[in-house]
């Protein structure tokens, strides 16, 4: 993906109806990753685009979620 912040979670199903838990886990992991850094605050994720990638695996899919903060890591002025 090549984003400043990115995570990936595996889903054991290739049926899109089963991907919800993996997408929720990826969103949670991304939020936790952002909070562990000295960069943007969690609220800077609000109203921001994220990049979702779904890749087929042998056992299901890989759900990838990436985000690049506006300004390369500085909080977004209009997201507060």
N, C-alpha and C. Protein backbone atom coordinates (compact mmCIF):
# COMPACT_ATOMS: atom_id res chain seq x y z
N UNK A 1 0.82 -1.20 0.00
CA UNK A 1 0.00 0.00 0.00
C UNK A 1 0.85 1.25 0.00
N UNK A 2 1.85 1.36 0.84
CA UNK A 2 2.74 2.52 0.90
C UNK A 2 2.07 3.79 1.42
N UNK A 3 1.44 3.69 2.54
CA UNK A 3 0.86 4.84 3.22
C UNK A 3 1.65 5.08 4.51
N UNK A 4 1.54 6.27 5.04
CA UNK A 4 2.27 6.57 6.28
C UNK A 4 1.81 5.65 7.41
N UNK A 5 0.51 5.39 7.46
CA UNK A 5 -0.05 4.46 8.44
C UNK A 5 -0.79 3.39 7.66
N UNK A 6 -0.51 2.12 7.93
CA UNK A 6 -1.23 1.06 7.26
C UNK A 6 -1.26 -0.20 8.11
N UNK A 7 -2.36 -0.92 7.99
CA UNK A 7 -2.57 -2.16 8.72
C UNK A 7 -3.21 -3.17 7.77
N UNK A 8 -3.17 -4.43 8.15
CA UNK A 8 -3.82 -5.48 7.36
C UNK A 8 -4.35 -6.55 8.31
N UNK A 9 -5.53 -7.06 7.97
CA UNK A 9 -6.18 -8.11 8.75
C UNK A 9 -6.65 -9.19 7.78
N UNK A 10 -6.53 -10.43 8.18
CA UNK A 10 -6.97 -11.54 7.33
C UNK A 10 -8.39 -11.94 7.69
N UNK A 11 -9.17 -12.25 6.66
CA UNK A 11 -10.50 -12.83 6.83
C UNK A 11 -10.44 -14.23 6.25
N UNK A 12 -11.01 -15.19 6.94
CA UNK A 12 -10.94 -16.58 6.49
C UNK A 12 -12.03 -16.90 5.47
N UNK A 13 -12.72 -15.90 4.96
CA UNK A 13 -13.79 -16.10 3.99
C UNK A 13 -13.59 -15.20 2.78
N UNK A 14 -13.95 -15.71 1.61
CA UNK A 14 -13.91 -14.88 0.41
C UNK A 14 -15.27 -14.27 0.11
N UNK A 15 -16.25 -14.49 0.97
CA UNK A 15 -17.59 -13.93 0.82
C UNK A 15 -17.63 -12.53 1.43
N UNK A 16 -17.96 -11.51 0.64
CA UNK A 16 -17.98 -10.13 1.16
C UNK A 16 -18.88 -9.94 2.39
N UNK A 17 -19.89 -10.77 2.55
CA UNK A 17 -20.76 -10.66 3.72
C UNK A 17 -20.02 -10.98 5.02
N UNK A 18 -18.90 -11.64 4.91
CA UNK A 18 -18.12 -12.04 6.09
C UNK A 18 -16.95 -11.11 6.39
N UNK A 19 -16.76 -10.07 5.61
CA UNK A 19 -15.60 -9.21 5.78
C UNK A 19 -15.76 -8.13 6.85
N UNK A 20 -16.95 -7.94 7.34
CA UNK A 20 -17.21 -6.88 8.32
C UNK A 20 -16.28 -6.93 9.53
N UNK A 21 -16.12 -8.08 10.18
CA UNK A 21 -15.23 -8.14 11.33
C UNK A 21 -13.78 -7.77 10.99
N UNK A 22 -13.30 -8.19 9.82
CA UNK A 22 -11.93 -7.84 9.42
C UNK A 22 -11.81 -6.34 9.17
N UNK A 23 -12.83 -5.74 8.56
CA UNK A 23 -12.80 -4.30 8.31
C UNK A 23 -12.84 -3.52 9.63
N UNK A 24 -13.66 -4.00 10.57
CA UNK A 24 -13.72 -3.35 11.88
C UNK A 24 -12.39 -3.49 12.60
N UNK A 25 -11.78 -4.66 12.53
CA UNK A 25 -10.49 -4.88 13.18
C UNK A 25 -9.41 -3.99 12.56
N UNK A 26 -9.43 -3.85 11.23
CA UNK A 26 -8.45 -3.00 10.56
C UNK A 26 -8.63 -1.54 10.97
N UNK A 27 -9.87 -1.10 11.07
CA UNK A 27 -10.14 0.28 11.49
C UNK A 27 -9.65 0.50 12.92
N UNK A 28 -9.90 -0.45 13.79
CA UNK A 28 -9.44 -0.34 15.18
C UNK A 28 -7.91 -0.32 15.24
N UNK A 29 -7.27 -1.21 14.50
CA UNK A 29 -5.80 -1.25 14.50
C UNK A 29 -5.20 0.03 13.94
N UNK A 30 -5.83 0.60 12.91
CA UNK A 30 -5.33 1.86 12.36
C UNK A 30 -5.44 2.98 13.40
N UNK A 31 -6.57 3.04 14.09
CA UNK A 31 -6.76 4.06 15.13
C UNK A 31 -5.73 3.88 16.25
N UNK A 32 -5.48 2.64 16.65
CA UNK A 32 -4.48 2.38 17.69
C UNK A 32 -3.08 2.75 17.22
N UNK A 33 -2.77 2.47 15.96
CA UNK A 33 -1.46 2.81 15.41
C UNK A 33 -1.24 4.31 15.40
N UNK A 34 -2.25 5.04 15.00
CA UNK A 34 -2.15 6.51 14.98
C UNK A 34 -1.94 7.04 16.39
N UNK A 35 -2.60 6.48 17.38
CA UNK A 35 -2.48 6.95 18.75
C UNK A 35 -1.13 6.64 19.37
N UNK A 36 -0.41 5.64 18.88
CA UNK A 36 0.88 5.30 19.47
C UNK A 36 2.00 6.19 18.95
N UNK A 37 1.73 6.93 17.90
CA UNK A 37 2.74 7.80 17.29
C UNK A 37 2.63 9.19 17.90
N UNK A 38 3.68 9.98 17.79
CA UNK A 38 3.64 11.36 18.27
C UNK A 38 3.03 12.31 17.24
N UNK A 39 2.52 11.76 16.16
CA UNK A 39 1.95 12.56 15.08
C UNK A 39 0.51 12.95 15.32
N UNK A 40 -0.37 12.64 14.38
CA UNK A 40 -1.75 13.08 14.43
C UNK A 40 -2.51 12.48 15.61
N UNK A 41 -3.55 13.17 16.02
CA UNK A 41 -4.43 12.68 17.07
C UNK A 41 -5.52 11.82 16.42
N UNK A 42 -6.16 11.00 17.21
CA UNK A 42 -7.22 10.14 16.71
C UNK A 42 -8.29 10.95 15.97
N UNK A 43 -8.63 12.12 16.48
CA UNK A 43 -9.67 12.95 15.86
C UNK A 43 -9.28 13.39 14.44
N UNK A 44 -8.00 13.31 14.12
CA UNK A 44 -7.56 13.68 12.78
C UNK A 44 -7.93 12.63 11.73
N UNK A 45 -8.40 11.46 12.17
CA UNK A 45 -8.90 10.46 11.24
C UNK A 45 -10.31 10.81 10.74
N UNK A 46 -11.03 11.64 11.49
CA UNK A 46 -12.40 11.97 11.12
C UNK A 46 -12.44 12.77 9.83
N UNK A 47 -13.41 12.45 8.99
CA UNK A 47 -13.65 13.14 7.73
C UNK A 47 -12.43 13.11 6.80
N UNK A 48 -11.67 12.04 6.90
CA UNK A 48 -10.48 11.86 6.05
C UNK A 48 -10.65 10.60 5.21
N UNK A 49 -10.15 10.62 4.01
CA UNK A 49 -10.18 9.44 3.16
C UNK A 49 -9.13 8.44 3.62
N UNK A 50 -9.50 7.18 3.56
CA UNK A 50 -8.58 6.09 3.81
C UNK A 50 -8.59 5.18 2.59
N UNK A 51 -7.52 4.44 2.41
CA UNK A 51 -7.39 3.57 1.25
C UNK A 51 -7.63 2.13 1.68
N UNK A 52 -8.66 1.52 1.11
CA UNK A 52 -9.02 0.13 1.41
C UNK A 52 -8.56 -0.75 0.27
N UNK A 53 -7.84 -1.82 0.61
CA UNK A 53 -7.39 -2.79 -0.38
C UNK A 53 -7.81 -4.18 0.07
N UNK A 54 -8.47 -4.90 -0.82
CA UNK A 54 -8.88 -6.27 -0.52
C UNK A 54 -8.16 -7.18 -1.52
N UNK A 55 -7.37 -8.10 -0.97
CA UNK A 55 -6.56 -8.99 -1.79
C UNK A 55 -6.94 -10.43 -1.47
N UNK A 56 -7.15 -11.21 -2.49
CA UNK A 56 -7.48 -12.62 -2.30
C UNK A 56 -6.27 -13.38 -1.77
N UNK A 57 -6.52 -14.26 -0.82
CA UNK A 57 -5.49 -15.15 -0.28
C UNK A 57 -5.95 -16.60 -0.49
N UNK A 58 -5.11 -17.55 -0.14
CA UNK A 58 -5.49 -18.96 -0.28
C UNK A 58 -6.67 -19.33 0.60
N UNK A 59 -6.81 -18.66 1.75
CA UNK A 59 -7.85 -19.00 2.72
C UNK A 59 -8.96 -17.98 2.84
N UNK A 60 -8.97 -16.93 2.06
CA UNK A 60 -9.98 -15.89 2.17
C UNK A 60 -9.50 -14.61 1.52
N UNK A 61 -9.42 -13.54 2.32
CA UNK A 61 -8.94 -12.26 1.82
C UNK A 61 -8.09 -11.55 2.86
N UNK A 62 -7.29 -10.63 2.38
CA UNK A 62 -6.51 -9.72 3.23
C UNK A 62 -7.15 -8.35 3.08
N UNK A 63 -7.59 -7.78 4.19
CA UNK A 63 -8.19 -6.45 4.20
C UNK A 63 -7.11 -5.47 4.67
N UNK A 64 -6.68 -4.60 3.77
CA UNK A 64 -5.67 -3.60 4.09
C UNK A 64 -6.31 -2.22 4.19
N UNK A 65 -5.87 -1.44 5.14
CA UNK A 65 -6.38 -0.09 5.33
C UNK A 65 -5.20 0.84 5.54
N UNK A 66 -5.11 1.88 4.73
CA UNK A 66 -4.01 2.83 4.82
C UNK A 66 -4.51 4.26 4.91
N UNK A 67 -3.69 5.12 5.48
CA UNK A 67 -4.05 6.54 5.65
C UNK A 67 -2.79 7.38 5.62
N UNK A 68 -2.88 8.49 4.91
CA UNK A 68 -1.83 9.50 4.91
C UNK A 68 -2.42 10.78 5.48
N UNK A 69 -1.94 11.22 6.64
CA UNK A 69 -2.48 12.45 7.22
C UNK A 69 -2.20 13.66 6.34
N UNK A 70 -3.13 14.60 6.30
CA UNK A 70 -2.89 15.83 5.54
C UNK A 70 -1.64 16.52 6.06
N UNK A 71 -0.84 17.04 5.19
CA UNK A 71 0.36 17.74 5.61
C UNK A 71 1.47 16.82 6.07
N UNK A 72 1.34 15.51 5.80
CA UNK A 72 2.41 14.58 6.16
C UNK A 72 2.54 14.31 7.64
N UNK A 73 1.46 14.41 8.40
CA UNK A 73 1.53 14.06 9.81
C UNK A 73 1.09 15.15 10.75
N UNK A 74 0.82 16.32 10.21
CA UNK A 74 0.32 17.39 11.06
C UNK A 74 -1.19 17.33 11.12
N UNK A 75 -1.82 17.64 12.24
CA UNK A 75 -3.27 17.57 12.35
C UNK A 75 -3.97 18.40 11.29
N UNK A 76 -5.07 17.86 10.80
CA UNK A 76 -5.86 18.58 9.79
C UNK A 76 -6.68 19.68 10.45
N UNK A 77 -6.53 20.90 9.99
CA UNK A 77 -7.21 22.02 10.60
C UNK A 77 -8.72 21.92 10.48
N UNK A 78 -9.24 21.36 9.36
CA UNK A 78 -10.67 21.33 9.17
C UNK A 78 -11.31 20.07 9.73
N UNK A 79 -10.56 19.18 10.35
CA UNK A 79 -11.11 17.92 10.87
C UNK A 79 -11.52 18.03 12.33
N UNK A 80 -11.35 19.16 12.95
CA UNK A 80 -11.65 19.28 14.38
C UNK A 80 -13.06 19.73 14.60
